[in-house]
Structure formats: C-alpha cells, structure tokens
Amino acid sequence: SDPEDLEGWGLSPRGAGYLFGGDIVKGFNQANGIDVIARAHQLVMEGYKWMFNESLVTVWSAPNYCYRCGNVAAILEFDENLKQQFRIFEAAPADVRGVPVRKLVPDYFLQ
C-alpha cells in the first residue's frame, strides 16, 4: 500500500493493496504513539520523500533502479537523540560495480 494526496483510502493502481491519505497516517500515528512512519518499497527519484507534514517518509535505497531509472538513493540515519539525517548516494559506475561482463557468445560455440 502507498501514500497518496487523498482523504481516506483508495484502490492501488499496482493491482494489490490500497492508497491511503494523510488522515489515515495521522490516525495511525496517534493510535500508536509515534510521530513518523518510515517506509520503503516505492521508487522515489530523490532518494526520499516526506509527506503529510513530515508524518511519513518514503526512503528508497536502490540507486539507478533496474539500471535504467536514473534515481539517486538514500539511507535514513538516526543518532542516539533520534536526530535524523539522510545520506544520498548515486549508483556506482559500471566499471567498479563488480558485475560480471556479459558474454556475447555462449561457451558451447567456443568449443
């Protein structure tokens, strides 16, 4: 399920789960005695995105998702006083990723 700028609940375009609005987040946070929901599993081009007066944040930590999205990534860190800091990073260049180079010709053609 994903946050959306709406009131209440809505159907998710992903085909499963729901969309939920700021009123749902506010009620959940109050009922559970928390200030912020930190969530993931939704692409955010800037690495992170605050919503609903900073009561929910989406953090995305896969840079250049699927080697084609061009997004940056983020990690959310908290210190011992719960002061937060985002660390933003870009994808490593292909030549330093440690990903094996694709073979253009299968081995069985080389025998």
PDB file of N, CA and C in Angstrom:
ATOM      1  N   SER A   1       0.841  -1.185   0.000  1.00  0.00           N
ATOM      2  CA  SER A   1       0.000   0.000   0.000  1.00  0.00           C
ATOM      3  C   SER A   1       0.880   1.240   0.000  1.00  0.00           C
ATOM      4  N   ASP A   2       0.358   2.321  -0.573  1.00  0.00           N
ATOM      5  CA  ASP A   2       1.163   3.519  -0.784  1.00  0.00           C
ATOM      6  C   ASP A   2       0.424   4.781  -0.354  1.00  0.00           C
ATOM      7  N   PRO A   3       1.176   5.776   0.133  1.00  0.00           N
ATOM      8  CA  PRO A   3       0.557   7.057   0.473  1.00  0.00           C
ATOM      9  C   PRO A   3       0.197   7.829  -0.792  1.00  0.00           C
ATOM     10  N   GLU A   4      -0.849   8.634  -0.685  1.00  0.00           N
ATOM     11  CA  GLU A   4      -1.292   9.441  -1.826  1.00  0.00           C
ATOM     12  C   GLU A   4      -1.969  10.701  -1.284  1.00  0.00           C
ATOM     13  N   ASP A   5      -1.934  11.754  -2.063  1.00  0.00           N
ATOM     14  CA  ASP A   5      -2.596  13.000  -1.664  1.00  0.00           C
ATOM     15  C   ASP A   5      -4.100  12.864  -1.868  1.00  0.00           C
ATOM     16  N   LEU A   6      -4.737  12.182  -0.928  1.00  0.00           N
ATOM     17  CA  LEU A   6      -6.183  11.999  -0.932  1.00  0.00           C
ATOM     18  C   LEU A   6      -6.645  11.852   0.505  1.00  0.00           C
ATOM     19  N   GLU A   7      -7.941  11.869   0.711  1.00  0.00           N
ATOM     20  CA  GLU A   7      -8.502  11.617   2.034  1.00  0.00           C
ATOM     21  C   GLU A   7      -8.996  10.177   2.071  1.00  0.00           C
ATOM     22  N   GLY A   8      -8.740   9.501   3.185  1.00  0.00           N
ATOM     23  CA  GLY A   8      -9.212   8.133   3.349  1.00  0.00           C
ATOM     24  C   GLY A   8      -8.397   7.131   2.562  1.00  0.00           C
ATOM     25  N   TRP A   9      -9.115   6.139   2.031  1.00  0.00           N
ATOM     26  CA  TRP A   9      -8.499   5.033   1.313  1.00  0.00           C
ATOM     27  C   TRP A   9      -8.888   5.071  -0.161  1.00  0.00           C
ATOM     28  N   GLY A  10      -8.046   4.501  -1.009  1.00  0.00           N
ATOM     29  CA  GLY A  10      -8.345   4.363  -2.434  1.00  0.00           C
ATOM     30  C   GLY A  10      -7.760   3.067  -2.949  1.00  0.00           C
ATOM     31  N   LEU A  11      -8.162   2.689  -4.153  1.00  0.00           N
ATOM     32  CA  LEU A  11      -7.626   1.476  -4.772  1.00  0.00           C
ATOM     33  C   LEU A  11      -6.253   1.761  -5.355  1.00  0.00           C
ATOM     34  N   SER A  12      -5.340   0.826  -5.179  1.00  0.00           N
ATOM     35  CA  SER A  12      -3.980   0.992  -5.680  1.00  0.00           C
ATOM     36  C   SER A  12      -3.903   0.653  -7.162  1.00  0.00           C
ATOM     37  N   PRO A  13      -3.221   1.485  -7.950  1.00  0.00           N
ATOM     38  CA  PRO A  13      -3.025   1.145  -9.361  1.00  0.00           C
ATOM     39  C   PRO A  13      -2.070  -0.031  -9.559  1.00  0.00           C
ATOM     40  N   ARG A  14      -1.390  -0.449  -8.484  1.00  0.00           N
ATOM     41  CA  ARG A  14      -0.496  -1.606  -8.584  1.00  0.00           C
ATOM     42  C   ARG A  14      -1.267  -2.914  -8.728  1.00  0.00           C
ATOM     43  N   GLY A  15      -2.566  -2.881  -8.435  1.00  0.00           N
ATOM     44  CA  GLY A  15      -3.377  -4.090  -8.547  1.00  0.00           C
ATOM     45  C   GLY A  15      -3.514  -4.854  -7.248  1.00  0.00           C
ATOM     46  N   ALA A  16      -2.809  -4.450  -6.223  1.00  0.00           N
ATOM     47  CA  ALA A  16      -2.915  -5.064  -4.895  1.00  0.00           C
ATOM     48  C   ALA A  16      -2.684  -3.968  -3.867  1.00  0.00           C
ATOM     49  N   GLY A  17      -3.268  -4.115  -2.700  1.00  0.00           N
ATOM     50  CA  GLY A  17      -3.094  -3.113  -1.663  1.00  0.00           C
ATOM     51  C   GLY A  17      -3.982  -1.902  -1.900  1.00  0.00           C
ATOM     52  N   TYR A  18      -3.678  -0.827  -1.167  1.00  0.00           N
ATOM     53  CA  TYR A  18      -4.509   0.372  -1.196  1.00  0.00           C
ATOM     54  C   TYR A  18      -3.647   1.621  -1.230  1.00  0.00           C
ATOM     55  N   LEU A  19      -4.273   2.724  -1.577  1.00  0.00           N
ATOM     56  CA  LEU A  19      -3.700   4.051  -1.379  1.00  0.00           C
ATOM     57  C   LEU A  19      -4.292   4.585  -0.085  1.00  0.00           C
ATOM     58  N   PHE A  20      -3.510   5.369   0.654  1.00  0.00           N
ATOM     59  CA  PHE A  20      -4.021   5.946   1.895  1.00  0.00           C
ATOM     60  C   PHE A  20      -3.579   7.398   1.996  1.00  0.00           C
ATOM     61  N   GLY A  21      -4.430   8.197   2.599  1.00  0.00           N
ATOM     62  CA  GLY A  21      -4.179   9.626   2.697  1.00  0.00           C
ATOM     63  C   GLY A  21      -3.607  10.061   4.030  1.00  0.00           C
ATOM     64  N   GLY A  22      -3.378  11.360   4.128  1.00  0.00           N
ATOM     65  CA  GLY A  22      -2.798  11.940   5.335  1.00  0.00           C
ATOM     66  C   GLY A  22      -3.648  11.738   6.572  1.00  0.00           C
ATOM     67  N   ASP A  23      -4.968  11.701   6.415  1.00  0.00           N
ATOM     68  CA  ASP A  23      -5.837  11.469   7.568  1.00  0.00           C
ATOM     69  C   ASP A  23      -5.633  10.068   8.138  1.00  0.00           C
ATOM     70  N   ILE A  24      -5.386   9.103   7.285  1.00  0.00           N
ATOM     71  CA  ILE A  24      -5.132   7.727   7.729  1.00  0.00           C
ATOM     72  C   ILE A  24      -3.801   7.667   8.476  1.00  0.00           C
ATOM     73  N   VAL A  25      -2.793   8.339   7.930  1.00  0.00           N
ATOM     74  CA  VAL A  25      -1.475   8.378   8.577  1.00  0.00           C
ATOM     75  C   VAL A  25      -1.577   9.052   9.942  1.00  0.00           C
ATOM     76  N   LYS A  26      -2.268  10.172  10.013  1.00  0.00           N
ATOM     77  CA  LYS A  26      -2.419  10.894  11.284  1.00  0.00           C
ATOM     78  C   LYS A  26      -3.090  10.010  12.334  1.00  0.00           C
ATOM     79  N   GLY A  27      -4.156   9.325  11.950  1.00  0.00           N
ATOM     80  CA  GLY A  27      -4.851   8.432  12.877  1.00  0.00           C
ATOM     81  C   GLY A  27      -3.979   7.276  13.336  1.00  0.00           C
ATOM     82  N   PHE A  28      -3.230   6.693  12.410  1.00  0.00           N
ATOM     83  CA  PHE A  28      -2.335   5.588  12.755  1.00  0.00           C
ATOM     84  C   PHE A  28      -1.249   6.057  13.718  1.00  0.00           C
ATOM     85  N   ASN A  29      -0.629   7.189  13.403  1.00  0.00           N
ATOM     86  CA  ASN A  29       0.439   7.704  14.265  1.00  0.00           C
ATOM     87  C   ASN A  29      -0.085   8.017  15.663  1.00  0.00           C
ATOM     88  N   GLN A  30      -1.253   8.642  15.754  1.00  0.00           N
ATOM     89  CA  GLN A  30      -1.831   8.957  17.065  1.00  0.00           C
ATOM     90  C   GLN A  30      -2.166   7.691  17.840  1.00  0.00           C
ATOM     91  N   ALA A  31      -2.784   6.723  17.190  1.00  0.00           N
ATOM     92  CA  ALA A  31      -3.181   5.476  17.854  1.00  0.00           C
ATOM     93  C   ALA A  31      -1.982   4.687  18.361  1.00  0.00           C
ATOM     94  N   ASN A  32      -0.838   4.848  17.706  1.00  0.00           N
ATOM     95  CA  ASN A  32       0.355   4.085  18.067  1.00  0.00           C
ATOM     96  C   ASN A  32       1.409   4.904  18.795  1.00  0.00           C
ATOM     97  N   GLY A  33       1.110   6.160  19.093  1.00  0.00           N
ATOM     98  CA  GLY A  33       2.041   6.996  19.854  1.00  0.00           C
ATOM     99  C   GLY A  33       3.352   7.258  19.144  1.00  0.00           C
ATOM    100  N   ILE A  34       3.303   7.408  17.817  1.00  0.00           N
ATOM    101  CA  ILE A  34       4.524   7.680  17.051  1.00  0.00           C
ATOM    102  C   ILE A  34       4.368   8.993  16.286  1.00  0.00           C
ATOM    103  N   ASP A  35       5.488   9.548  15.867  1.00  0.00           N
ATOM    104  CA  ASP A  35       5.476  10.802  15.114  1.00  0.00           C
ATOM    105  C   ASP A  35       5.619  10.589  13.618  1.00  0.00           C
ATOM    106  N   VAL A  36       6.356   9.538  13.233  1.00  0.00           N
ATOM    107  CA  VAL A  36       6.716   9.355  11.829  1.00  0.00           C
ATOM    108  C   VAL A  36       6.616   7.885  11.442  1.00  0.00           C
ATOM    109  N   ILE A  37       6.096   7.641  10.259  1.00  0.00           N
ATOM    110  CA  ILE A  37       6.178   6.329   9.627  1.00  0.00           C
ATOM    111  C   ILE A  37       7.311   6.412   8.615  1.00  0.00           C
ATOM    112  N   ALA A  38       8.285   5.530   8.721  1.00  0.00           N
ATOM    113  CA  ALA A  38       9.347   5.412   7.721  1.00  0.00           C
ATOM    114  C   ALA A  38       9.065   4.141   6.935  1.00  0.00           C
ATOM    115  N   ARG A  39       8.980   4.288   5.626  1.00  0.00           N
ATOM    116  CA  ARG A  39       8.595   3.166   4.770  1.00  0.00           C
ATOM    117  C   ARG A  39       9.483   3.128   3.542  1.00  0.00           C
ATOM    118  N   ALA A  40       9.376   2.051   2.787  1.00  0.00           N
ATOM    119  CA  ALA A  40      10.177   1.881   1.578  1.00  0.00           C
ATOM    120  C   ALA A  40       9.341   1.157   0.536  1.00  0.00           C
ATOM    121  N   HIS A  41      10.002   0.558  -0.435  1.00  0.00           N
ATOM    122  CA  HIS A  41       9.399  -0.263  -1.481  1.00  0.00           C
ATOM    123  C   HIS A  41       8.515   0.550  -2.422  1.00  0.00           C
ATOM    124  N   GLN A  42       8.877   1.822  -2.613  1.00  0.00           N
ATOM    125  CA  GLN A  42       8.221   2.657  -3.621  1.00  0.00           C
ATOM    126  C   GLN A  42       9.281   3.610  -4.150  1.00  0.00           C
ATOM    127  N   LEU A  43       9.532   3.558  -5.441  1.00  0.00           N
ATOM    128  CA  LEU A  43      10.579   4.372  -6.054  1.00  0.00           C
ATOM    129  C   LEU A  43      10.352   5.856  -5.791  1.00  0.00           C
ATOM    130  N   VAL A  44      11.413   6.511  -5.314  1.00  0.00           N
ATOM    131  CA  VAL A  44      11.429   7.961  -5.106  1.00  0.00           C
ATOM    132  C   VAL A  44      12.687   8.474  -5.798  1.00  0.00           C
ATOM    133  N   MET A  45      12.519   9.302  -6.810  1.00  0.00           N
ATOM    134  CA  MET A  45      13.654   9.738  -7.628  1.00  0.00           C
ATOM    135  C   MET A  45      14.716  10.468  -6.816  1.00  0.00           C
ATOM    136  N   GLU A  46      14.316  11.196  -5.775  1.00  0.00           N
ATOM    137  CA  GLU A  46      15.240  11.976  -4.952  1.00  0.00           C
ATOM    138  C   GLU A  46      15.827  11.171  -3.800  1.00  0.00           C
ATOM    139  N   GLY A  47      15.506   9.879  -3.701  1.00  0.00           N
ATOM    140  CA  GLY A  47      16.020   9.033  -2.636  1.00  0.00           C
ATOM    141  C   GLY A  47      15.117   8.969  -1.421  1.00  0.00           C
ATOM    142  N   TYR A  48      14.447  10.063  -1.122  1.00  0.00           N
ATOM    143  CA  TYR A  48      13.465  10.073  -0.031  1.00  0.00           C
ATOM    144  C   TYR A  48      12.419  11.139  -0.317  1.00  0.00           C
ATOM    145  N   LYS A  49      11.244  10.971   0.307  1.00  0.00           N
ATOM    146  CA  LYS A  49      10.163  11.936   0.112  1.00  0.00           C
ATOM    147  C   LYS A  49       9.318  12.008   1.373  1.00  0.00           C
ATOM    148  N   TRP A  50       9.216  13.206   1.925  1.00  0.00           N
ATOM    149  CA  TRP A  50       8.338  13.460   3.063  1.00  0.00           C
ATOM    150  C   TRP A  50       6.925  13.717   2.551  1.00  0.00           C
ATOM    151  N   MET A  51       5.944  13.285   3.330  1.00  0.00           N
ATOM    152  CA  MET A  51       4.542  13.574   3.014  1.00  0.00           C
ATOM    153  C   MET A  51       3.788  13.884   4.295  1.00  0.00           C
ATOM    154  N   PHE A  52       2.673  14.535   4.136  1.00  0.00           N
ATOM    155  CA  PHE A  52       1.724  14.779   5.217  1.00  0.00           C
ATOM    156  C   PHE A  52       2.374  15.485   6.407  1.00  0.00           C
ATOM    157  N   ASN A  53       2.969  16.652   6.139  1.00  0.00           N
ATOM    158  CA  ASN A  53       3.610  17.457   7.193  1.00  0.00           C
ATOM    159  C   ASN A  53       4.675  16.674   7.950  1.00  0.00           C
ATOM    160  N   GLU A  54       5.474  15.941   7.210  1.00  0.00           N
ATOM    161  CA  GLU A  54       6.576  15.140   7.761  1.00  0.00           C
ATOM    162  C   GLU A  54       6.114  14.099   8.780  1.00  0.00           C
ATOM    163  N   SER A  55       4.928  13.538   8.548  1.00  0.00           N
ATOM    164  CA  SER A  55       4.468  12.436   9.398  1.00  0.00           C
ATOM    165  C   SER A  55       4.702  11.079   8.737  1.00  0.00           C
ATOM    166  N   LEU A  56       5.188  11.095   7.490  1.00  0.00           N
ATOM    167  CA  LEU A  56       5.515   9.872   6.767  1.00  0.00           C
ATOM    168  C   LEU A  56       6.656  10.183   5.811  1.00  0.00           C
ATOM    169  N   VAL A  57       7.614   9.267   5.744  1.00  0.00           N
ATOM    170  CA  VAL A  57       8.709   9.417   4.785  1.00  0.00           C
ATOM    171  C   VAL A  57       8.914   8.094   4.055  1.00  0.00           C
ATOM    172  N   THR A  58       9.081   8.194   2.749  1.00  0.00           N
ATOM    173  CA  THR A  58       9.441   7.040   1.931  1.00  0.00           C
ATOM    174  C   THR A  58      10.926   7.146   1.624  1.00  0.00           C
ATOM    175  N   VAL A  59      11.659   6.070   1.887  1.00  0.00           N
ATOM    176  CA  VAL A  59      13.103   6.033   1.643  1.00  0.00           C
ATOM    177  C   VAL A  59      13.373   4.949   0.606  1.00  0.00           C
ATOM    178  N   TRP A  60      14.123   5.308  -0.426  1.00  0.00           N
ATOM    179  CA  TRP A  60      14.453   4.367  -1.498  1.00  0.00           C
ATOM    180  C   TRP A  60      15.963   4.239  -1.559  1.00  0.00           C
ATOM    181  N   SER A  61      16.478   3.033  -1.406  1.00  0.00           N
ATOM    182  CA  SER A  61      17.931   2.860  -1.283  1.00  0.00           C
ATOM    183  C   SER A  61      18.557   2.057  -2.419  1.00  0.00           C
ATOM    184  N   ALA A  62      17.914   2.033  -3.582  1.00  0.00           N
ATOM    185  CA  ALA A  62      18.482   1.352  -4.753  1.00  0.00           C
ATOM    186  C   ALA A  62      18.744   2.397  -5.836  1.00  0.00           C
ATOM    187  N   PRO A  63      20.005   2.856  -5.964  1.00  0.00           N
ATOM    188  CA  PRO A  63      20.284   3.886  -6.971  1.00  0.00           C
ATOM    189  C   PRO A  63      20.161   3.334  -8.388  1.00  0.00           C
ATOM    190  N   ASN A  64      19.705   4.186  -9.286  1.00  0.00           N
ATOM    191  CA  ASN A  64      19.517   3.815 -10.692  1.00  0.00           C
ATOM    192  C   ASN A  64      18.816   2.457 -10.791  1.00  0.00           C
ATOM    193  N   TYR A  65      17.655   2.379 -10.184  1.00  0.00           N
ATOM    194  CA  TYR A  65      16.885   1.143 -10.072  1.00  0.00           C
ATOM    195  C   TYR A  65      16.753   0.442 -11.425  1.00  0.00           C
ATOM    196  N   CYS A  66      17.007  -0.850 -11.421  1.00  0.00           N
ATOM    197  CA  CYS A  66      16.975  -1.703 -12.623  1.00  0.00           C
ATOM    198  C   CYS A  66      17.915  -1.197 -13.707  1.00  0.00           C
ATOM    199  N   TYR A  67      18.945  -0.468 -13.309  1.00  0.00           N
ATOM    200  CA  TYR A  67      19.950   0.082 -14.227  1.00  0.00           C
ATOM    201  C   TYR A  67      19.336   0.992 -15.294  1.00  0.00           C
ATOM    202  N   ARG A  68      18.160   1.594 -14.994  1.00  0.00           N
ATOM    203  CA  ARG A  68      17.533   2.423 -16.020  1.00  0.00           C
ATOM    204  C   ARG A  68      16.723   3.602 -15.496  1.00  0.00           C
ATOM    205  N   CYS A  69      16.459   3.677 -14.193  1.00  0.00           N
ATOM    206  CA  CYS A  69      15.560   4.729 -13.698  1.00  0.00           C
ATOM    207  C   CYS A  69      16.256   6.067 -13.465  1.00  0.00           C
ATOM    208  N   GLY A  70      17.560   6.070 -13.276  1.00  0.00           N
ATOM    209  CA  GLY A  70      18.286   7.320 -13.096  1.00  0.00           C
ATOM    210  C   GLY A  70      18.065   8.002 -11.758  1.00  0.00           C
ATOM    211  N   ASN A  71      17.524   7.296 -10.793  1.00  0.00           N
ATOM    212  CA  ASN A  71      17.255   7.868  -9.471  1.00  0.00           C
ATOM    213  C   ASN A  71      18.485   7.809  -8.572  1.00  0.00           C
ATOM    214  N   VAL A  72      18.521   8.689  -7.580  1.00  0.00           N
ATOM    215  CA  VAL A  72      19.516   8.570  -6.520  1.00  0.00           C
ATOM    216  C   VAL A  72      18.904   7.719  -5.416  1.00  0.00           C
ATOM    217  N   ALA A  73      19.710   7.360  -4.437  1.00  0.00           N
ATOM    218  CA  ALA A  73      19.252   6.538  -3.320  1.00  0.00           C
ATOM    219  C   ALA A  73      19.515   7.271  -2.018  1.00  0.00           C
ATOM    220  N   ALA A  74      18.876   6.803  -0.955  1.00  0.00           N
ATOM    221  CA  ALA A  74      19.056   7.433   0.351  1.00  0.00           C
ATOM    222  C   ALA A  74      19.057   6.377   1.445  1.00  0.00           C
ATOM    223  N   ILE A  75      19.732   6.725   2.516  1.00  0.00           N
ATOM    224  CA  ILE A  75      19.685   5.961   3.764  1.00  0.00           C
ATOM    225  C   ILE A  75      19.292   6.955   4.843  1.00  0.00           C
ATOM    226  N   LEU A  76      18.347   6.587   5.677  1.00  0.00           N
ATOM    227  CA  LEU A  76      17.913   7.431   6.789  1.00  0.00           C
ATOM    228  C   LEU A  76      18.610   6.946   8.046  1.00  0.00           C
ATOM    229  N   GLU A  77      19.382   7.842   8.665  1.00  0.00           N
ATOM    230  CA  GLU A  77      20.106   7.508   9.896  1.00  0.00           C
ATOM    231  C   GLU A  77      19.544   8.321  11.058  1.00  0.00           C
ATOM    232  N   PHE A  78      19.522   7.693  12.223  1.00  0.00           N
ATOM    233  CA  PHE A  78      19.141   8.372  13.458  1.00  0.00           C
ATOM    234  C   PHE A  78      20.299   8.270  14.434  1.00  0.00           C
ATOM    235  N   ASP A  79      20.580   9.359  15.153  1.00  0.00           N
ATOM    236  CA  ASP A  79      21.606   9.283  16.193  1.00  0.00           C
ATOM    237  C   ASP A  79      20.951   8.899  17.518  1.00  0.00           C
ATOM    238  N   GLU A  80      21.727   8.892  18.587  1.00  0.00           N
ATOM    239  CA  GLU A  80      21.218   8.454  19.894  1.00  0.00           C
ATOM    240  C   GLU A  80      20.121   9.361  20.441  1.00  0.00           C
ATOM    241  N   ASN A  81      20.002  10.578  19.900  1.00  0.00           N
ATOM    242  CA  ASN A  81      18.948  11.508  20.313  1.00  0.00           C
ATOM    243  C   ASN A  81      17.797  11.554  19.307  1.00  0.00           C
ATOM    244  N   LEU A  82      17.784  10.608  18.404  1.00  0.00           N
ATOM    245  CA  LEU A  82      16.791  10.488  17.342  1.00  0.00           C
ATOM    246  C   LEU A  82      16.827  11.646  16.345  1.00  0.00           C
ATOM    247  N   LYS A  83      17.962  12.341  16.293  1.00  0.00           N
ATOM    248  CA  LYS A  83      18.150  13.349  15.247  1.00  0.00           C
ATOM    249  C   LYS A  83      18.378  12.588  13.945  1.00  0.00           C
ATOM    250  N   GLN A  84      17.655  12.989  12.908  1.00  0.00           N
ATOM    251  CA  GLN A  84      17.725  12.244  11.650  1.00  0.00           C
ATOM    252  C   GLN A  84      18.604  12.939  10.628  1.00  0.00           C
ATOM    253  N   GLN A  85      19.163  12.105   9.764  1.00  0.00           N
ATOM    254  CA  GLN A  85      19.999  12.595   8.676  1.00  0.00           C
ATOM    255  C   GLN A  85      19.839  11.635   7.505  1.00  0.00           C
ATOM    256  N   PHE A  86      19.664  12.197   6.320  1.00  0.00           N
ATOM    257  CA  PHE A  86      19.615  11.388   5.109  1.00  0.00           C
ATOM    258  C   PHE A  86      20.973  11.416   4.449  1.00  0.00           C
ATOM    259  N   ARG A  87      21.431  10.272   4.027  1.00  0.00           N
ATOM    260  CA  ARG A  87      22.657  10.177   3.225  1.00  0.00           C
ATOM    261  C   ARG A  87      22.218   9.802   1.813  1.00  0.00           C
ATOM    262  N   ILE A  88      22.595  10.637   0.867  1.00  0.00           N
ATOM    263  CA  ILE A  88      22.206  10.457  -0.525  1.00  0.00           C
ATOM    264  C   ILE A  88      23.397   9.906  -1.298  1.00  0.00           C
ATOM    265  N   PHE A  89      23.149   8.945  -2.171  1.00  0.00           N
ATOM    266  CA  PHE A  89      24.235   8.430  -2.996  1.00  0.00           C
ATOM    267  C   PHE A  89      23.720   8.038  -4.370  1.00  0.00           C
ATOM    268  N   GLU A  90      24.643   8.029  -5.323  1.00  0.00           N
ATOM    269  CA  GLU A  90      24.331   7.660  -6.697  1.00  0.00           C
ATOM    270  C   GLU A  90      24.836   6.249  -6.970  1.00  0.00           C
ATOM    271  N   ALA A  91      24.436   5.715  -8.085  1.00  0.00           N
ATOM    272  CA  ALA A  91      24.882   4.376  -8.473  1.00  0.00           C
ATOM    273  C   ALA A  91      26.376   4.383  -8.755  1.00  0.00           C
ATOM    274  N   ALA A  92      27.018   3.282  -8.440  1.00  0.00           N
ATOM    275  CA  ALA A  92      28.436   3.132  -8.775  1.00  0.00           C
ATOM    276  C   ALA A  92      28.562   2.980 -10.285  1.00  0.00           C
ATOM    277  N   PRO A  93      29.624   3.531 -10.859  1.00  0.00           N
ATOM    278  CA  PRO A  93      29.829   3.339 -12.300  1.00  0.00           C
ATOM    279  C   PRO A  93      29.954   1.850 -12.629  1.00  0.00           C
ATOM    280  N   ALA A  94      29.548   1.485 -13.822  1.00  0.00           N
ATOM    281  CA  ALA A  94      29.540   0.074 -14.233  1.00  0.00           C
ATOM    282  C   ALA A  94      30.904  -0.580 -14.084  1.00  0.00           C
ATOM    283  N   ASP A  95      31.986   0.165 -14.328  1.00  0.00           N
ATOM    284  CA  ASP A  95      33.320  -0.442 -14.283  1.00  0.00           C
ATOM    285  C   ASP A  95      33.810  -0.740 -12.871  1.00  0.00           C
ATOM    286  N   VAL A  96      33.119  -0.265 -11.835  1.00  0.00           N
ATOM    287  CA  VAL A  96      33.538  -0.559 -10.458  1.00  0.00           C
ATOM    288  C   VAL A  96      32.466  -1.310  -9.666  1.00  0.00           C
ATOM    289  N   ARG A  97      31.389  -1.703 -10.303  1.00  0.00           N
ATOM    290  CA  ARG A  97      30.293  -2.380  -9.607  1.00  0.00           C
ATOM    291  C   ARG A  97      30.598  -3.817  -9.260  1.00  0.00           C
ATOM    292  N   GLY A  98      31.537  -4.438  -9.935  1.00  0.00           N
ATOM    293  CA  GLY A  98      31.808  -5.845  -9.679  1.00  0.00           C
ATOM    294  C   GLY A  98      30.816  -6.759 -10.366  1.00  0.00           C
ATOM    295  N   VAL A  99      30.057  -6.223 -11.301  1.00  0.00           N
ATOM    296  CA  VAL A  99      29.110  -7.042 -12.046  1.00  0.00           C
ATOM    297  C   VAL A  99      29.862  -7.693 -13.197  1.00  0.00           C
ATOM    298  N   PRO A 100      29.754  -9.009 -13.345  1.00  0.00           N
ATOM    299  CA  PRO A 100      30.475  -9.669 -14.437  1.00  0.00           C
ATOM    300  C   PRO A 100      30.027  -9.124 -15.790  1.00  0.00           C
ATOM    301  N   VAL A 101      30.977  -9.026 -16.686  1.00  0.00           N
ATOM    302  CA  VAL A 101      30.678  -8.593 -18.044  1.00  0.00           C
ATOM    303  C   VAL A 101      29.921  -9.708 -18.741  1.00  0.00           C
ATOM    304  N   ARG A 102      28.903  -9.346 -19.474  1.00  0.00           N
ATOM    305  CA  ARG A 102      28.122 -10.348 -20.201  1.00  0.00           C
ATOM    306  C   ARG A 102      28.954 -10.974 -21.301  1.00  0.00           C
ATOM    307  N   LYS A 103      28.820 -12.273 -21.429  1.00  0.00           N
ATOM    308  CA  LYS A 103      29.459 -12.964 -22.546  1.00  0.00           C
ATOM    309  C   LYS A 103      28.563 -12.791 -23.765  1.00  0.00           C
ATOM    310  N   LEU A 104      29.145 -12.383 -24.854  1.00  0.00           N
ATOM    311  CA  LEU A 104      28.364 -12.205 -26.068  1.00  0.00           C
ATOM    312  C   LEU A 104      28.148 -13.514 -26.804  1.00  0.00           C
ATOM    313  N   VAL A 105      29.078 -14.455 -26.633  1.00  0.00           N
ATOM    314  CA  VAL A 105      28.986 -15.745 -27.313  1.00  0.00           C
ATOM    315  C   VAL A 105      28.942 -16.835 -26.245  1.00  0.00           C
ATOM    316  N   PRO A 106      27.917 -17.685 -26.267  1.00  0.00           N
ATOM    317  CA  PRO A 106      27.860 -18.770 -25.284  1.00  0.00           C
ATOM    318  C   PRO A 106      29.073 -19.692 -25.407  1.00  0.00           C
ATOM    319  N   ASP A 107      29.491 -20.267 -24.269  1.00  0.00           N
ATOM    320  CA  ASP A 107      30.668 -21.141 -24.230  1.00  0.00           C
ATOM    321  C   ASP A 107      30.583 -22.298 -25.217  1.00  0.00           C
ATOM    322  N   TYR A 108      29.400 -22.854 -25.436  1.00  0.00           N
ATOM    323  CA  TYR A 108      29.319 -24.036 -26.291  1.00  0.00           C
ATOM    324  C   TYR A 108      29.655 -23.726 -27.749  1.00  0.00           C
ATOM    325  N   PHE A 109      29.629 -22.460 -28.164  1.00  0.00           N
ATOM    326  CA  PHE A 109      30.060 -22.108 -29.516  1.00  0.00           C
ATOM    327  C   PHE A 109      31.576 -21.986 -29.615  1.00  0.00           C
ATOM    328  N   LEU A 110      32.259 -21.918 -28.484  1.00  0.00           N
ATOM    329  CA  LEU A 110      33.707 -21.724 -28.477  1.00  0.00           C
ATOM    330  C   LEU A 110      34.465 -23.040 -28.410  1.00  0.00           C
ATOM    331  N   GLN A 111      33.801 -24.155 -28.299  1.00  0.00           N
ATOM    332  CA  GLN A 111      34.477 -25.444 -28.171  1.00  0.00           C
ATOM    333  C   GLN A 111      34.750 -26.087 -29.502  1.00  0.00           C
TER     334      GLN A 111
END
